[in-house]
Amino acid sequence: MTSTFVPAGATAGAAAAPAAVKILVAGGFGVGKTTLVGAVSEVTPLRTEEYLTSASVGVDDLAGVGAKETTTVALDFGRITVSDEVVVYLFGTPGQERFWFMWNDLVNGALGGVVIADTRRLDTSFASIDFFESRHIPFVVAINCFHGVNTRTPEEIRSALDLDPHVPLLIGDVRQRAFGKETLLALVDHLMTLPDPAAAPTPA
């Protein structure tokens, strides 16, 4: 008679735990990172928002986001179950420069990233793009069209952001769940087209 070894605490035939995929959502202050995470998360997202006060005057650049009342001070967190085998965890980064030190911790284990940009303030996304490029982390760029308005062509946006031709660029409304899912699927497709570092030949 043969027997099957079952580890302590496990049961025979138990399903394996799903693979966890970590994705960072980055971008400038007030571009829609918290909104995107909230739009696509299947659970109530964890948010670390605080109200803007007079203490931020002269510290945070509120140009173009004068109506904004709260800001992320640590991270946003959401979850999407893709299948029984894959679960995606979203980590939204804080946008203000004074909180950028947290990015180095949040990036650990990240498979890829989404950079959200606002065509009215494209310069606020430069730091996020530089961050991912310097760490060789694949990313896509999602242009958030506030109030459905976009005054720039994809070619103009690519030129302004100095994007490599292979970096996917999407344009839409991050408040819409469908656009958020489209953005994440574009990132997954982008990751699948990249060469596997493990397959690279070993130097002699």
Foldseek 3Di string as FASTA:
>chain_A
DDDDDDDPPDDPPDDDAADEAEEEEEWAWPLQLLLLQCLAFPDRKDFQKDFDDPVCVVQFDCVPPVVDGIFGQAWIWGWDDPDRHYIYIYIYGTHGPVRCVNVVVSCVRHQAYEYEAEPVCRVSRLVVVCVCVVVVHAYAYEYAAVVVDDDDDPVVSCVVSVDDPLHHYHYYHSNHNVVSVVRVVVSVVSSVPDDDPVPDDDDD
